[in-house]
C-alpha atoms as a PDB file:
ATOM      1  CA  MET A   1       3.042   3.974 -33.788  1.00  0.00           C
ATOM      2  CA  MET A   2       2.990   7.904 -34.257  1.00  0.00           C
ATOM      3  CA  ALA A   3       4.772   9.039 -37.755  1.00  0.00           C
ATOM      4  CA  PRO A   4       8.156  10.382 -37.166  1.00  0.00           C
ATOM      5  CA  LYS A   5       8.570  14.348 -37.051  1.00  0.00           C
ATOM      6  CA  ILE A   6      11.300  16.521 -38.432  1.00  0.00           C
ATOM      7  CA  LYS A   7      12.499  16.879 -34.632  1.00  0.00           C
ATOM      8  CA  ASP A   8      13.138  12.625 -34.390  1.00  0.00           C
ATOM      9  CA  VAL A   9      15.120  12.800 -37.537  1.00  0.00           C
ATOM     10  CA  ALA A  10      17.183  15.962 -36.219  1.00  0.00           C
ATOM     11  CA  LYS A  11      17.572  14.176 -32.965  1.00  0.00           C
ATOM     12  CA  ARG A  12      19.082  10.554 -34.492  1.00  0.00           C
ATOM     13  CA  ALA A  13      21.062  12.703 -37.018  1.00  0.00           C
ATOM     14  CA  GLY A  14      22.798  14.728 -34.079  1.00  0.00           C
ATOM     15  CA  VAL A  15      21.677  17.927 -36.078  1.00  0.00           C
ATOM     16  CA  SER A  16      19.433  20.474 -35.919  1.00  0.00           C
ATOM     17  CA  VAL A  17      15.646  20.979 -36.898  1.00  0.00           C
ATOM     18  CA  THR A  18      16.954  23.841 -39.100  1.00  0.00           C
ATOM     19  CA  THR A  19      19.695  21.698 -40.788  1.00  0.00           C
ATOM     20  CA  VAL A  20      16.978  18.722 -41.557  1.00  0.00           C
ATOM     21  CA  SER A  21      14.603  21.534 -43.077  1.00  0.00           C
ATOM     22  CA  ARG A  22      17.267  22.641 -45.329  1.00  0.00           C
ATOM     23  CA  VAL A  23      18.522  19.456 -46.573  1.00  0.00           C
ATOM     24  CA  LEU A  24      14.590  18.829 -47.430  1.00  0.00           C
ATOM     25  CA  ASN A  25      14.366  22.115 -49.207  1.00  0.00           C
ATOM     26  CA  GLY A  26      17.609  21.378 -51.427  1.00  0.00           C
ATOM     27  CA  GLU A  27      19.675  24.518 -50.037  1.00  0.00           C
ATOM     28  CA  LYS A  28      22.989  24.406 -50.958  1.00  0.00           C
ATOM     29  CA  TYR A  29      24.448  25.650 -47.256  1.00  0.00           C
ATOM     30  CA  VAL A  30      24.776  22.093 -46.029  1.00  0.00           C
ATOM     31  CA  LYS A  31      27.512  20.194 -45.911  1.00  0.00           C
ATOM     32  CA  ASP A  32      27.791  16.800 -48.223  1.00  0.00           C
ATOM     33  CA  ASP A  33      28.673  14.588 -45.253  1.00  0.00           C
ATOM     34  CA  LEU A  34      25.649  16.014 -43.318  1.00  0.00           C
ATOM     35  CA  LYS A  35      23.226  15.929 -46.251  1.00  0.00           C
ATOM     36  CA  GLU A  36      24.119  12.391 -46.646  1.00  0.00           C
ATOM     37  CA  ARG A  37      23.472  11.372 -42.801  1.00  0.00           C
ATOM     38  CA  VAL A  38      20.178  13.498 -42.537  1.00  0.00           C
ATOM     39  CA  ARG A  39      18.538  11.477 -45.910  1.00  0.00           C
ATOM     40  CA  LYS A  40      19.808   8.060 -44.361  1.00  0.00           C
ATOM     41  CA  VAL A  41      17.855   8.698 -41.317  1.00  0.00           C
ATOM     42  CA  ILE A  42      15.307  10.266 -43.132  1.00  0.00           C
ATOM     43  CA  ASP A  43      14.992   6.464 -44.970  1.00  0.00           C
ATOM     44  CA  GLU A  44      15.422   4.402 -41.537  1.00  0.00           C
ATOM     45  CA  LEU A  45      12.566   6.362 -40.164  1.00  0.00           C
ATOM     46  CA  GLY A  46      10.399   6.608 -42.996  1.00  0.00           C
ATOM     47  CA  TYR A  47       9.933  10.049 -42.073  1.00  0.00           C
ATOM     48  CA  SER A  48       7.706  11.948 -44.852  1.00  0.00           C
ATOM     49  CA  PRO A  49       7.391  16.095 -44.552  1.00  0.00           C
ATOM     50  CA  SER A  50       4.194  17.462 -44.363  1.00  0.00           C
ATOM     51  CA  HIS A  51       3.055  19.478 -47.681  1.00  0.00           C
ATOM     52  CA  ILE A  52       0.852  21.608 -45.395  1.00  0.00           C
ATOM     53  CA  ALA A  53       3.829  22.658 -42.905  1.00  0.00           C
ATOM     54  CA  ARG A  54       6.216  23.450 -45.690  1.00  0.00           C
ATOM     55  CA  SER A  55       4.195  25.241 -47.153  1.00  0.00           C
ATOM     56  CA  LEU A  56       3.246  27.435 -44.388  1.00  0.00           C
ATOM     57  CA  VAL A  57       6.738  28.107 -43.840  1.00  0.00           C
ATOM     58  CA  ARG A  58       7.851  28.762 -47.487  1.00  0.00           C
ATOM     59  CA  ASN A  59       4.722  30.870 -47.926  1.00  0.00           C
ATOM     60  CA  LYS A  60       4.281  28.792 -51.185  1.00  0.00           C
ATOM     61  CA  THR A  61       1.951  26.052 -51.930  1.00  0.00           C
ATOM     62  CA  ASN A  62       2.837  25.175 -55.604  1.00  0.00           C
ATOM     63  CA  LEU A  63      -1.198  24.336 -56.012  1.00  0.00           C
ATOM     64  CA  ILE A  64      -3.387  25.531 -58.512  1.00  0.00           C
ATOM     65  CA  GLY A  65      -7.222  25.299 -58.564  1.00  0.00           C
ATOM     66  CA  VAL A  66      -9.032  24.025 -61.565  1.00  0.00           C
ATOM     67  CA  ILE A  67     -12.864  24.572 -62.181  1.00  0.00           C
ATOM     68  CA  VAL A  68     -14.375  22.027 -64.664  1.00  0.00           C
ATOM     69  CA  PRO A  69     -18.026  22.066 -65.561  1.00  0.00           C
ATOM     70  CA  ASP A  70     -18.188  18.401 -66.570  1.00  0.00           C
ATOM     71  CA  ILE A  71     -14.874  16.521 -66.569  1.00  0.00           C
ATOM     72  CA  THR A  72     -16.568  13.856 -68.862  1.00  0.00           C
ATOM     73  CA  SER A  73     -16.481  15.662 -71.850  1.00  0.00           C
ATOM     74  CA  SER A  74     -14.185  14.872 -74.433  1.00  0.00           C
ATOM     75  CA  PHE A  75     -13.352  18.402 -74.983  1.00  0.00           C
ATOM     76  CA  TYR A  76     -12.604  19.172 -71.247  1.00  0.00           C
ATOM     77  CA  SER A  77     -10.668  16.000 -70.499  1.00  0.00           C
ATOM     78  CA  SER A  78      -8.154  16.362 -73.400  1.00  0.00           C
ATOM     79  CA  ILE A  79      -7.428  20.309 -72.374  1.00  0.00           C
ATOM     80  CA  LEU A  80      -7.229  19.089 -68.807  1.00  0.00           C
ATOM     81  CA  SER A  81      -4.679  16.464 -69.494  1.00  0.00           C
ATOM     82  CA  SER A  82      -2.636  19.317 -71.251  1.00  0.00           C
ATOM     83  CA  ILE A  83      -2.892  21.540 -68.244  1.00  0.00           C
ATOM     84  CA  GLU A  84      -1.737  18.854 -65.658  1.00  0.00           C
ATOM     85  CA  ARG A  85       1.259  17.850 -68.079  1.00  0.00           C
ATOM     86  CA  SER A  86       2.351  21.695 -67.884  1.00  0.00           C
ATOM     87  CA  THR A  87       1.860  22.292 -64.245  1.00  0.00           C
ATOM     88  CA  SER A  88       3.685  18.975 -63.581  1.00  0.00           C
ATOM     89  CA  LEU A  89       6.549  20.138 -65.800  1.00  0.00           C
ATOM     90  CA  ASN A  90       6.667  23.386 -63.582  1.00  0.00           C
ATOM     91  CA  ASP A  91       6.771  21.682 -60.313  1.00  0.00           C
ATOM     92  CA  TYR A  92       2.700  22.679 -59.657  1.00  0.00           C
ATOM     93  CA  ASN A  93       0.166  20.125 -58.368  1.00  0.00           C
ATOM     94  CA  LEU A  94      -3.830  20.566 -59.398  1.00  0.00           C
ATOM     95  CA  VAL A  95      -6.743  20.609 -57.310  1.00  0.00           C
ATOM     96  CA  VAL A  96      -9.344  19.475 -59.841  1.00  0.00           C
ATOM     97  CA  CYS A  97     -12.922  20.358 -58.870  1.00  0.00           C
ATOM     98  CA  ASN A  98     -15.652  18.831 -61.365  1.00  0.00           C
ATOM     99  CA  ILE A  99     -19.047  20.905 -60.598  1.00  0.00           C
ATOM    100  CA  MET A 100     -20.978  19.246 -63.084  1.00  0.00           C
ATOM    101  CA  GLU A 101     -22.467  22.776 -63.950  1.00  0.00           C
ATOM    102  CA  ASP A 102     -23.570  23.239 -60.004  1.00  0.00           C
ATOM    103  CA  GLU A 103     -23.105  27.043 -59.232  1.00  0.00           C
ATOM    104  CA  ASP A 104     -23.319  26.153 -55.533  1.00  0.00           C
ATOM    105  CA  LYS A 105     -20.498  23.529 -55.822  1.00  0.00           C
ATOM    106  CA  GLU A 106     -18.486  26.124 -57.625  1.00  0.00           C
ATOM    107  CA  TYR A 107     -18.977  28.745 -54.665  1.00  0.00           C
ATOM    108  CA  LYS A 108     -18.045  25.929 -52.231  1.00  0.00           C
ATOM    109  CA  TYR A 109     -14.521  24.570 -54.308  1.00  0.00           C
ATOM    110  CA  LEU A 110     -13.689  28.256 -54.507  1.00  0.00           C
ATOM    111  CA  GLN A 111     -13.921  28.638 -50.673  1.00  0.00           C
ATOM    112  CA  VAL A 112     -11.891  25.235 -50.683  1.00  0.00           C
ATOM    113  CA  PHE A 113      -8.959  26.837 -52.789  1.00  0.00           C
ATOM    114  CA  LYS A 114      -8.968  30.170 -50.664  1.00  0.00           C
ATOM    115  CA  GLU A 115      -8.564  27.517 -47.592  1.00  0.00           C
ATOM    116  CA  MET A 116      -5.894  25.634 -49.314  1.00  0.00           C
ATOM    117  CA  ARG A 117      -4.058  28.837 -50.288  1.00  0.00           C
ATOM    118  CA  VAL A 118      -3.588  27.938 -54.007  1.00  0.00           C
ATOM    119  CA  GLU A 119      -1.214  30.131 -56.085  1.00  0.00           C
ATOM    120  CA  GLY A 120      -3.604  30.495 -59.201  1.00  0.00           C
ATOM    121  CA  ILE A 121      -6.927  29.356 -60.268  1.00  0.00           C
ATOM    122  CA  ILE A 122      -8.252  28.408 -63.989  1.00  0.00           C
ATOM    123  CA  ILE A 123     -11.846  28.440 -64.535  1.00  0.00           C
ATOM    124  CA  MET A 124     -13.153  26.483 -67.594  1.00  0.00           C
ATOM    125  CA  HIS A 125     -16.887  27.654 -67.941  1.00  0.00           C
ATOM    126  CA  GLU A 126     -18.572  31.272 -67.913  1.00  0.00           C
ATOM    127  CA  LYS A 127     -21.794  30.933 -66.470  1.00  0.00           C
ATOM    128  CA  LEU A 128     -21.144  32.667 -63.117  1.00  0.00           C
ATOM    129  CA  ASN A 129     -23.635  33.677 -60.857  1.00  0.00           C
ATOM    130  CA  ASP A 130     -23.338  37.129 -58.781  1.00  0.00           C
ATOM    131  CA  GLU A 131     -22.334  35.275 -55.729  1.00  0.00           C
ATOM    132  CA  THR A 132     -19.195  33.889 -57.224  1.00  0.00           C
ATOM    133  CA  ARG A 133     -18.669  36.843 -59.207  1.00  0.00           C
ATOM    134  CA  GLU A 134     -18.069  38.922 -56.282  1.00  0.00           C
ATOM    135  CA  LEU A 135     -16.054  35.799 -54.641  1.00  0.00           C
ATOM    136  CA  ILE A 136     -13.503  35.619 -57.285  1.00  0.00           C
ATOM    137  CA  GLY A 137     -12.962  39.462 -57.169  1.00  0.00           C
ATOM    138  CA  LYS A 138     -11.976  39.068 -53.719  1.00  0.00           C
ATOM    139  CA  LEU A 139      -9.613  35.929 -53.999  1.00  0.00           C
ATOM    140  CA  GLY A 140      -6.331  37.765 -54.446  1.00  0.00           C
ATOM    141  CA  VAL A 141      -5.042  35.004 -56.374  1.00  0.00           C
ATOM    142  CA  PRO A 142      -4.269  35.341 -60.268  1.00  0.00           C
ATOM    143  CA  ILE A 143      -7.234  33.983 -62.283  1.00  0.00           C
ATOM    144  CA  ILE A 144      -7.300  32.895 -65.765  1.00  0.00           C
ATOM    145  CA  PHE A 145     -10.296  31.509 -67.888  1.00  0.00           C
ATOM    146  CA  SER A 146      -9.291  28.477 -70.474  1.00  0.00           C
ATOM    147  CA  SER A 147     -11.446  27.887 -73.526  1.00  0.00           C
ATOM    148  CA  VAL A 148     -14.479  30.506 -72.489  1.00  0.00           C
ATOM    149  CA  LYS A 149     -14.475  34.330 -72.272  1.00  0.00           C
ATOM    150  CA  PRO A 150     -17.132  35.602 -69.621  1.00  0.00           C
ATOM    151  CA  VAL A 151     -18.977  38.685 -69.900  1.00  0.00           C
ATOM    152  CA  GLU A 152     -17.641  41.611 -67.902  1.00  0.00           C
ATOM    153  CA  GLN A 153     -14.469  39.757 -66.610  1.00  0.00           C
ATOM    154  CA  PRO A 154     -11.234  41.577 -66.062  1.00  0.00           C
ATOM    155  CA  PHE A 155      -9.582  38.260 -66.527  1.00  0.00           C
ATOM    156  CA  ILE A 156      -7.213  37.072 -69.314  1.00  0.00           C
ATOM    157  CA  SER A 157      -9.068  34.424 -71.459  1.00  0.00           C
ATOM    158  CA  VAL A 158      -7.071  31.668 -73.758  1.00  0.00           C
ATOM    159  CA  ILE A 159      -9.775  31.004 -76.187  1.00  0.00           C
ATOM    160  CA  ILE A 160     -10.221  30.643 -80.255  1.00  0.00           C
ATOM    161  CA  ASN A 161     -12.733  32.981 -82.178  1.00  0.00           C
ATOM    162  CA  ASP A 162     -15.566  30.752 -81.852  1.00  0.00           C
ATOM    163  CA  PHE A 163     -17.987  32.728 -84.148  1.00  0.00           C
ATOM    164  CA  HIS A 164     -15.458  32.598 -87.169  1.00  0.00           C
ATOM    165  CA  ALA A 165     -14.847  29.138 -86.335  1.00  0.00           C
ATOM    166  CA  ALA A 166     -18.315  28.103 -86.457  1.00  0.00           C
ATOM    167  CA  TYR A 167     -19.064  30.433 -89.334  1.00  0.00           C
ATOM    168  CA  ASP A 168     -16.064  28.545 -91.361  1.00  0.00           C
ATOM    169  CA  ALA A 169     -17.536  25.119 -90.538  1.00  0.00           C
ATOM    170  CA  ALA A 170     -21.026  26.304 -91.870  1.00  0.00           C
ATOM    171  CA  CYS A 171     -19.139  27.499 -94.826  1.00  0.00           C
ATOM    172  CA  HIS A 172     -17.446  24.208 -95.556  1.00  0.00           C
ATOM    173  CA  LEU A 173     -20.687  22.343 -95.766  1.00  0.00           C
ATOM    174  CA  ILE A 174     -22.343  25.117 -97.884  1.00  0.00           C
ATOM    175  CA  GLY A 175     -19.115  24.839-100.096  1.00  0.00           C
ATOM    176  CA  LEU A 176     -19.975  20.758-100.268  1.00  0.00           C
ATOM    177  CA  GLY A 177     -23.257  21.938-102.161  1.00  0.00           C
ATOM    178  CA  HIS A 178     -25.563  21.415 -98.770  1.00  0.00           C
ATOM    179  CA  LYS A 179     -28.046  23.993 -98.203  1.00  0.00           C
ATOM    180  CA  ARG A 180     -30.283  21.822 -95.935  1.00  0.00           C
ATOM    181  CA  ILE A 181     -27.669  22.074 -93.004  1.00  0.00           C
ATOM    182  CA  ALA A 182     -28.978  21.528 -89.767  1.00  0.00           C
ATOM    183  CA  PHE A 183     -27.563  22.676 -86.325  1.00  0.00           C
ATOM    184  CA  ILE A 184     -27.202  21.052 -83.057  1.00  0.00           C
ATOM    185  CA  GLY A 185     -26.163  24.000 -80.721  1.00  0.00           C
ATOM    186  CA  GLY A 186     -24.873  24.255 -77.079  1.00  0.00           C
ATOM    187  CA  ASP A 187     -26.399  25.617 -73.933  1.00  0.00           C
ATOM    188  CA  MET A 188     -27.009  29.343 -75.101  1.00  0.00           C
ATOM    189  CA  ARG A 189     -26.642  31.011 -71.669  1.00  0.00           C
ATOM    190  CA  ASP A 190     -22.967  30.493 -72.990  1.00  0.00           C
ATOM    191  CA  VAL A 191     -21.671  33.100 -74.568  1.00  0.00           C
ATOM    192  CA  THR A 192     -18.453  31.585 -76.343  1.00  0.00           C
ATOM    193  CA  SER A 193     -19.772  28.154 -77.119  1.00  0.00           C
ATOM    194  CA  GLY A 194     -23.338  28.734 -77.142  1.00  0.00           C
ATOM    195  CA  GLN A 195     -24.172  32.206 -78.766  1.00  0.00           C
ATOM    196  CA  ASN A 196     -21.145  32.556 -80.654  1.00  0.00           C
ATOM    197  CA  ARG A 197     -20.856  29.588 -82.497  1.00  0.00           C
ATOM    198  CA  TYR A 198     -24.854  29.826 -83.193  1.00  0.00           C
ATOM    199  CA  ALA A 199     -24.226  33.456 -84.429  1.00  0.00           C
ATOM    200  CA  GLY A 200     -21.419  32.173 -86.974  1.00  0.00           C
ATOM    201  CA  TYR A 201     -23.618  29.658 -88.162  1.00  0.00           C
ATOM    202  CA  ILE A 202     -26.434  31.724 -88.778  1.00  0.00           C
ATOM    203  CA  GLN A 203     -24.195  34.556 -90.474  1.00  0.00           C
ATOM    204  CA  ALA A 204     -22.840  31.578 -92.920  1.00  0.00           C
ATOM    205  CA  LEU A 205     -26.308  30.965 -94.270  1.00  0.00           C
ATOM    206  CA  LYS A 206     -27.370  34.641 -94.675  1.00  0.00           C
ATOM    207  CA  ASP A 207     -24.073  35.112 -96.406  1.00  0.00           C
ATOM    208  CA  HIS A 208     -25.006  32.509 -99.069  1.00  0.00           C
ATOM    209  CA  ASP A 209     -28.595  33.327 -99.358  1.00  0.00           C
ATOM    210  CA  ILE A 210     -29.548  30.249 -97.596  1.00  0.00           C
ATOM    211  CA  GLU A 211     -32.932  30.054 -95.913  1.00  0.00           C
ATOM    212  CA  VAL A 212     -32.493  29.631 -92.131  1.00  0.00           C
ATOM    213  CA  ILE A 213     -34.783  26.796 -91.316  1.00  0.00           C
ATOM    214  CA  LYS A 214     -36.185  26.796 -87.592  1.00  0.00           C
ATOM    215  CA  GLU A 215     -36.954  23.298 -87.719  1.00  0.00           C
ATOM    216  CA  TYR A 216     -33.426  22.246 -88.245  1.00  0.00           C
ATOM    217  CA  ILE A 217     -32.189  24.407 -85.509  1.00  0.00           C
ATOM    218  CA  HIS A 218     -31.948  22.845 -81.483  1.00  0.00           C
ATOM    219  CA  PHE A 219     -29.836  23.239 -78.458  1.00  0.00           C
ATOM    220  CA  GLY A 220     -28.094  20.523 -76.382  1.00  0.00           C
ATOM    221  CA  ASP A 221     -25.849  20.467 -73.529  1.00  0.00           C
ATOM    222  CA  TYR A 222     -22.900  19.083 -75.362  1.00  0.00           C
ATOM    223  CA  LYS A 223     -23.170  15.778 -74.353  1.00  0.00           C
ATOM    224  CA  THR A 224     -23.627  12.787 -76.717  1.00  0.00           C
ATOM    225  CA  PRO A 225     -27.007  11.861 -75.592  1.00  0.00           C
ATOM    226  CA  SER A 226     -28.189  15.039 -76.263  1.00  0.00           C
ATOM    227  CA  GLY A 227     -26.813  15.013 -79.661  1.00  0.00           C
ATOM    228  CA  TYR A 228     -28.755  11.645 -80.027  1.00  0.00           C
ATOM    229  CA  GLU A 229     -31.935  12.654 -79.093  1.00  0.00           C
ATOM    230  CA  ILE A 230     -31.794  15.732 -81.386  1.00  0.00           C
ATOM    231  CA  MET A 231     -30.838  13.804 -84.428  1.00  0.00           C
ATOM    232  CA  LYS A 232     -34.100  11.712 -83.710  1.00  0.00           C
ATOM    233  CA  GLN A 233     -36.142  15.195 -84.153  1.00  0.00           C
ATOM    234  CA  LEU A 234     -34.355  15.623 -87.284  1.00  0.00           C
ATOM    235  CA  LEU A 235     -34.959  12.636 -89.059  1.00  0.00           C
ATOM    236  CA  ALA A 236     -38.582  13.108 -88.276  1.00  0.00           C
ATOM    237  CA  CYS A 237     -38.629  16.564 -90.518  1.00  0.00           C
ATOM    238  CA  GLU A 238     -40.687  16.110 -93.510  1.00  0.00           C
ATOM    239  CA  GLU A 239     -37.596  17.174 -95.484  1.00  0.00           C
ATOM    240  CA  ARG A 240     -34.317  15.762 -93.911  1.00  0.00           C
ATOM    241  CA  PRO A 241     -31.650  18.134 -93.629  1.00  0.00           C
ATOM    242  CA  THR A 242     -28.731  16.599 -95.731  1.00  0.00           C
ATOM    243  CA  ALA A 243     -25.858  17.489 -93.466  1.00  0.00           C
ATOM    244  CA  VAL A 244     -25.393  18.666 -89.370  1.00  0.00           C
ATOM    245  CA  PHE A 245     -23.072  20.781 -87.773  1.00  0.00           C
ATOM    246  CA  ALA A 246     -22.736  19.978 -84.001  1.00  0.00           C
ATOM    247  CA  VAL A 247     -21.069  22.428 -81.935  1.00  0.00           C
ATOM    248  CA  SER A 248     -19.094  19.544 -79.988  1.00  0.00           C
ATOM    249  CA  ASP A 249     -17.650  16.454 -81.219  1.00  0.00           C
ATOM    250  CA  ASP A 250     -19.734  14.445 -78.359  1.00  0.00           C
ATOM    251  CA  MET A 251     -22.968  15.554 -79.930  1.00  0.00           C
ATOM    252  CA  ALA A 252     -22.123  14.854 -83.180  1.00  0.00           C
ATOM    253  CA  LEU A 253     -20.990  11.612 -82.033  1.00  0.00           C
ATOM    254  CA  GLY A 254     -24.284  11.056 -80.594  1.00  0.00           C
ATOM    255  CA  ALA A 255     -25.913  12.287 -84.139  1.00  0.00           C
ATOM    256  CA  MET A 256     -23.997   9.896 -85.896  1.00  0.00           C
ATOM    257  CA  ASN A 257     -25.153   6.869 -83.471  1.00  0.00           C
ATOM    258  CA  CYS A 258     -28.666   7.848 -84.087  1.00  0.00           C
ATOM    259  CA  ILE A 259     -28.116   8.145 -87.918  1.00  0.00           C
ATOM    260  CA  HIS A 260     -26.978   4.779 -88.008  1.00  0.00           C
ATOM    261  CA  ASP A 261     -29.728   3.303 -85.716  1.00  0.00           C
ATOM    262  CA  HIS A 262     -32.092   4.369 -88.085  1.00  0.00           C
ATOM    263  CA  GLY A 263     -30.753   2.495 -90.884  1.00  0.00           C
ATOM    264  CA  LEU A 264     -28.878   5.229 -92.524  1.00  0.00           C
ATOM    265  CA  LYS A 265     -25.139   5.838 -93.189  1.00  0.00           C
ATOM    266  CA  VAL A 266     -22.825   8.690 -92.648  1.00  0.00           C
ATOM    267  CA  PRO A 267     -21.911  10.055 -94.865  1.00  0.00           C
ATOM    268  CA  ASP A 268     -23.865   8.509 -97.969  1.00  0.00           C
ATOM    269  CA  ASP A 269     -27.059   9.683 -96.477  1.00  0.00           C
ATOM    270  CA  MET A 270     -26.090  12.540 -94.288  1.00  0.00           C
ATOM    271  CA  SER A 271     -22.930  14.521 -93.624  1.00  0.00           C
ATOM    272  CA  VAL A 272     -21.948  14.792 -89.999  1.00  0.00           C
ATOM    273  CA  MET A 273     -19.491  17.646 -88.748  1.00  0.00           C
ATOM    274  CA  GLY A 274     -18.197  18.293 -85.241  1.00  0.00           C
ATOM    275  CA  PHE A 275     -16.403  21.220 -83.193  1.00  0.00           C
ATOM    276  CA  ASP A 276     -13.433  20.838 -80.835  1.00  0.00           C
ATOM    277  CA  GLY A 277     -11.015  18.107 -82.668  1.00  0.00           C
ATOM    278  CA  SER A 278     -11.157  16.089 -79.502  1.00  0.00           C
ATOM    279  CA  GLN A 279      -9.958  12.282 -79.383  1.00  0.00           C
ATOM    280  CA  TRP A 280     -13.391  10.955 -80.700  1.00  0.00           C
ATOM    281  CA  THR A 281     -12.534  12.451 -84.104  1.00  0.00           C
ATOM    282  CA  GLU A 282     -10.273   9.599 -85.002  1.00  0.00           C
ATOM    283  CA  LEU A 283     -11.799   6.804 -82.941  1.00  0.00           C
ATOM    284  CA  VAL A 284     -15.161   6.769 -84.441  1.00  0.00           C
ATOM    285  CA  ARG A 285     -16.185   5.082 -87.999  1.00  0.00           C
ATOM    286  CA  PRO A 286     -16.117   6.785 -90.305  1.00  0.00           C
ATOM    287  CA  ARG A 287     -13.649   9.245 -88.847  1.00  0.00           C
ATOM    288  CA  LEU A 288     -15.383  12.828 -87.983  1.00  0.00           C
ATOM    289  CA  THR A 289     -14.650  16.043 -89.835  1.00  0.00           C
ATOM    290  CA  SER A 290     -14.216  18.686 -87.280  1.00  0.00           C
ATOM    291  CA  MET A 291     -13.470  22.278 -86.685  1.00  0.00           C
ATOM    292  CA  GLY A 292     -10.724  21.727 -84.620  1.00  0.00           C
ATOM    293  CA  GLN A 293      -9.322  23.690 -81.343  1.00  0.00           C
ATOM    294  CA  PRO A 294      -5.442  23.481 -80.760  1.00  0.00           C
ATOM    295  CA  ILE A 295      -6.333  21.827 -77.507  1.00  0.00           C
ATOM    296  CA  GLN A 296      -2.905  20.954 -76.383  1.00  0.00           C
ATOM    297  CA  GLU A 297      -1.610  24.402 -76.883  1.00  0.00           C
ATOM    298  CA  MET A 298      -4.318  26.360 -75.186  1.00  0.00           C
ATOM    299  CA  GLY A 299      -3.791  23.938 -72.507  1.00  0.00           C
ATOM    300  CA  LYS A 300      -0.061  24.915 -72.180  1.00  0.00           C
ATOM    301  CA  GLU A 301      -0.173  28.328 -72.769  1.00  0.00           C
ATOM    302  CA  THR A 302      -3.207  28.483 -70.101  1.00  0.00           C
ATOM    303  CA  VAL A 303      -0.650  27.405 -67.902  1.00  0.00           C
ATOM    304  CA  ASN A 304       2.249  29.335 -68.973  1.00  0.00           C
ATOM    305  CA  VAL A 305       0.415  32.939 -68.789  1.00  0.00           C
ATOM    306  CA  LEU A 306      -0.834  31.873 -65.208  1.00  0.00           C
ATOM    307  CA  LEU A 307       2.555  31.236 -63.672  1.00  0.00           C
ATOM    308  CA  LYS A 308       3.745  34.418 -65.204  1.00  0.00           C
ATOM    309  CA  LEU A 309       1.186  36.041 -63.265  1.00  0.00           C
ATOM    310  CA  ILE A 310       1.967  34.075 -60.044  1.00  0.00           C
ATOM    311  CA  SER A 311       5.605  35.067 -60.198  1.00  0.00           C
ATOM    312  CA  GLY A 312       4.465  38.774 -60.549  1.00  0.00           C
ATOM    313  CA  GLU A 313       5.916  39.228 -64.058  1.00  0.00           C
ATOM    314  CA  GLN A 314       5.406  42.600 -65.087  1.00  0.00           C
ATOM    315  CA  ASN A 315       5.427  42.261 -68.922  1.00  0.00           C
ATOM    316  CA  VAL A 316       2.402  39.925 -69.108  1.00  0.00           C
ATOM    317  CA  ALA A 317       0.149  41.090 -71.551  1.00  0.00           C
ATOM    318  CA  LYS A 318      -3.110  41.736 -69.908  1.00  0.00           C
ATOM    319  CA  HIS A 319      -5.410  40.940 -73.353  1.00  0.00           C
ATOM    320  CA  ASP A 320      -6.961  37.628 -74.070  1.00  0.00           C
ATOM    321  CA  VAL A 321      -4.531  34.930 -76.174  1.00  0.00           C
ATOM    322  CA  ILE A 322      -6.711  33.848 -79.367  1.00  0.00           C
ATOM    323  CA  PHE A 323      -5.517  30.855 -81.146  1.00  0.00           C
ATOM    324  CA  GLU A 324      -6.624  29.828 -84.518  1.00  0.00           C
ATOM    325  CA  HIS A 325      -8.933  27.253 -85.252  1.00  0.00           C
ATOM    326  CA  LYS A 326      -8.562  24.746 -88.073  1.00  0.00           C
ATOM    327  CA  LEU A 327     -10.718  22.504 -90.105  1.00  0.00           C
ATOM    328  CA  VAL A 328      -9.737  18.847 -90.088  1.00  0.00           C
ATOM    329  CA  VAL A 329     -11.428  17.146 -92.909  1.00  0.00           C
ATOM    330  CA  ARG A 330     -12.103  13.632 -92.563  1.00  0.00           C
ATOM    331  CA  GLU A 331     -14.838  11.241 -93.752  1.00  0.00           C
ATOM    332  CA  SER A 332     -17.926  11.810 -92.129  1.00  0.00           C
ATOM    333  CA  CYS A 333     -18.925  14.720 -94.793  1.00  0.00           C
ATOM    334  CA  ARG A 334     -19.110  14.251 -98.532  1.00  0.00           C
ATOM    335  CA  PRO A 335     -20.460  16.526-101.348  1.00  0.00           C
ATOM    336  CA  TYR A 336     -24.488  16.722-101.719  1.00  0.00           C
ATOM    337  CA  GLU A 337     -24.394  15.454-105.173  1.00  0.00           C
ATOM    338  CA  GLU A 338     -22.609  12.209-103.879  1.00  0.00           C
ATOM    339  CA  GLN A 339     -25.413  11.419-101.062  1.00  0.00           C
ATOM    340  CA  SER A 340     -28.279   9.587-101.626  1.00  0.00           C
ATOM    341  CA  GLN A 341     -30.767  11.937-102.473  1.00  0.00           C
ATOM    342  CA  THR A 342     -33.539  12.676 -99.616  1.00  0.00           C
END
């Protein structure tokens, strides 16, 4: 049997299609007895209104598209959860596209967003090729970047100051007496989490007259396996570092696992520090010291600003929203003099 249509509801209820539509849209200009009659018929027929059809009529889809570089990341999954919660509370739905760092996928998904007539787009990475840059400039819908700040883009970003956050993270380890501090960095094509966090680490060492040792500096992809593999190289150094600063909690977790697998202990033999303040920090043992981003607040504010742009509010500030980072000290770091001398 074919699915019932709105005209079938109208015929059985003895009302016009317009009246049924008004009941479905919650409009006030329908008498209570008619509302009850229409709703009863809807239940009897099992009628379900077409979201697409209603969107065309109302010229409003209540859809927001999200581009996520890697949904398996603990950081991205956490901030996406916050974004979903905020959009749901505002009666919007998400269309989430996980591009896995594939620029061709991103271009294709942006085209899908256009076809689906999403009302706004959230982008959570910054490695945009020329083709994608050109497309997002022509989409004609509000766009906001969350947790990243792409170069030469006119859109608002919701971020922290990654340079200062990484600087403060390195200074915390220096304050514990560490001078041989290794760095597990991210993708240097990323200005926000790659270049800025690396620059913050370097500046902290220079400001404290600590030698920058190239052997201690490696770059990964923010994921746990890369943290593990880089840690193997650091453990092979003739003079091992006494502390490790990883620019993602996932890579810090990989480093901790590698240290454990090589018969050493965190923080007895080596201190480990992460970045993001994701769920991993409380789940691992020892619990991970991390330079935290206010993930939940950033996700919520991303949605708040985007919805204001969608509604056409005139008083929306056009500048970036910058949140404060916060060091959260746990058990994975200890003063150098309390560690085993390596």
